[in-house]
Amino acid sequence: MAEQRQTSQQQASRQQQRSEEERRLQAAERNKDWADRAAHARTADDPRAVAPRDAAGRPSTGERF
């Protein structure tokens, strides 16, 4: 009887470990996808990726005081 309990507990523990590992793998896959999308969100030829320019074409952060 005690052996059956240990076997059941061991099986439950193994199942829990497998499900935790699956969750970790899924989370890692989601994070990788997010990072890849973020890296490609703005490319060098995207005008939003460069600093704002003033009327003369020089990089600008706004009006001078």
C-alpha atoms as a PDB file:
ATOM      1  CA  MET A   1       0.000   0.000   0.000  1.00  0.00           C
ATOM      2  CA  ALA A   2       2.786   2.417   0.930  1.00  0.00           C
ATOM      3  CA  GLU A   3       4.606   1.513  -2.279  1.00  0.00           C
ATOM      4  CA  GLN A   4       1.545   2.445  -4.343  1.00  0.00           C
ATOM      5  CA  ARG A   5       1.378   5.848  -2.649  1.00  0.00           C
ATOM      6  CA  GLN A   6       5.041   6.509  -3.375  1.00  0.00           C
ATOM      7  CA  THR A   7       4.573   5.462  -7.000  1.00  0.00           C
ATOM      8  CA  SER A   8       1.520   7.704  -7.356  1.00  0.00           C
ATOM      9  CA  GLN A   9       3.361  10.593  -5.745  1.00  0.00           C
ATOM     10  CA  GLN A  10       6.359  10.058  -8.008  1.00  0.00           C
ATOM     11  CA  GLN A  11       4.136   9.996 -11.089  1.00  0.00           C
ATOM     12  CA  ALA A  12       2.370  13.165  -9.968  1.00  0.00           C
ATOM     13  CA  SER A  13       5.714  14.828  -9.325  1.00  0.00           C
ATOM     14  CA  ARG A  14       6.994  13.856 -12.787  1.00  0.00           C
ATOM     15  CA  GLN A  15       3.805  15.126 -14.413  1.00  0.00           C
ATOM     16  CA  GLN A  16       4.107  18.423 -12.548  1.00  0.00           C
ATOM     17  CA  GLN A  17       7.742  18.789 -13.630  1.00  0.00           C
ATOM     18  CA  ARG A  18       6.785  18.144 -17.262  1.00  0.00           C
ATOM     19  CA  SER A  19       3.993  20.707 -17.186  1.00  0.00           C
ATOM     20  CA  GLU A  20       6.276  23.298 -15.548  1.00  0.00           C
ATOM     21  CA  GLU A  21       8.914  22.664 -18.215  1.00  0.00           C
ATOM     22  CA  GLU A  22       6.302  23.060 -20.965  1.00  0.00           C
ATOM     23  CA  ARG A  23       5.188  26.391 -19.466  1.00  0.00           C
ATOM     24  CA  ARG A  24       8.797  27.604 -19.324  1.00  0.00           C
ATOM     25  CA  LEU A  25       9.390  26.616 -22.949  1.00  0.00           C
ATOM     26  CA  GLN A  26       6.207  28.374 -24.071  1.00  0.00           C
ATOM     27  CA  ALA A  27       7.158  31.514 -22.149  1.00  0.00           C
ATOM     28  CA  ALA A  28      10.630  31.485 -23.679  1.00  0.00           C
ATOM     29  CA  GLU A  29       9.117  31.122 -27.149  1.00  0.00           C
ATOM     30  CA  ARG A  30       6.764  34.073 -26.550  1.00  0.00           C
ATOM     31  CA  ASN A  31       9.618  36.213 -25.259  1.00  0.00           C
ATOM     32  CA  LYS A  32      11.763  35.384 -28.273  1.00  0.00           C
ATOM     33  CA  ASP A  33       8.941  36.360 -30.610  1.00  0.00           C
ATOM     34  CA  TRP A  34       8.424  39.641 -28.771  1.00  0.00           C
ATOM     35  CA  ALA A  35      12.116  40.508 -28.923  1.00  0.00           C
ATOM     36  CA  ASP A  36      12.316  39.686 -32.628  1.00  0.00           C
ATOM     37  CA  ARG A  37       9.299  41.853 -33.403  1.00  0.00           C
ATOM     38  CA  ALA A  38      10.676  44.703 -31.309  1.00  0.00           C
ATOM     39  CA  ALA A  39      14.024  44.535 -33.082  1.00  0.00           C
ATOM     40  CA  HIS A  40      12.351  44.824 -36.464  1.00  0.00           C
ATOM     41  CA  ALA A  41       9.774  47.416 -35.428  1.00  0.00           C
ATOM     42  CA  ARG A  42      11.912  50.298 -36.617  1.00  0.00           C
ATOM     43  CA  THR A  43      14.397  49.845 -39.401  1.00  0.00           C
ATOM     44  CA  ALA A  44      17.128  52.277 -40.411  1.00  0.00           C
ATOM     45  CA  ASP A  45      15.126  53.533 -43.379  1.00  0.00           C
ATOM     46  CA  ASP A  46      12.051  54.240 -41.226  1.00  0.00           C
ATOM     47  CA  PRO A  47      11.734  58.059 -40.862  1.00  0.00           C
ATOM     48  CA  ARG A  48      10.462  57.622 -37.288  1.00  0.00           C
ATOM     49  CA  ALA A  49      13.782  55.994 -36.338  1.00  0.00           C
ATOM     50  CA  VAL A  50      15.841  59.152 -36.880  1.00  0.00           C
ATOM     51  CA  ALA A  51      16.069  62.239 -34.709  1.00  0.00           C
ATOM     52  CA  PRO A  52      13.610  65.045 -35.495  1.00  0.00           C
ATOM     53  CA  ARG A  53      14.957  67.731 -37.843  1.00  0.00           C
ATOM     54  CA  ASP A  54      14.525  71.495 -37.838  1.00  0.00           C
ATOM     55  CA  ALA A  55      13.691  73.570 -40.923  1.00  0.00           C
ATOM     56  CA  ALA A  56      17.350  73.599 -41.997  1.00  0.00           C
ATOM     57  CA  GLY A  57      17.550  69.806 -41.785  1.00  0.00           C
ATOM     58  CA  ARG A  58      19.703  69.651 -38.674  1.00  0.00           C
ATOM     59  CA  PRO A  59      18.819  67.232 -35.855  1.00  0.00           C
ATOM     60  CA  SER A  60      16.660  69.042 -33.336  1.00  0.00           C
ATOM     61  CA  THR A  61      15.047  68.447 -29.964  1.00  0.00           C
ATOM     62  CA  GLY A  62      12.725  71.406 -30.236  1.00  0.00           C
ATOM     63  CA  GLU A  63      12.792  75.188 -30.088  1.00  0.00           C
ATOM     64  CA  ARG A  64      15.603  76.992 -28.311  1.00  0.00           C
ATOM     65  CA  PHE A  65      14.739  79.304 -25.483  1.00  0.00           C
END
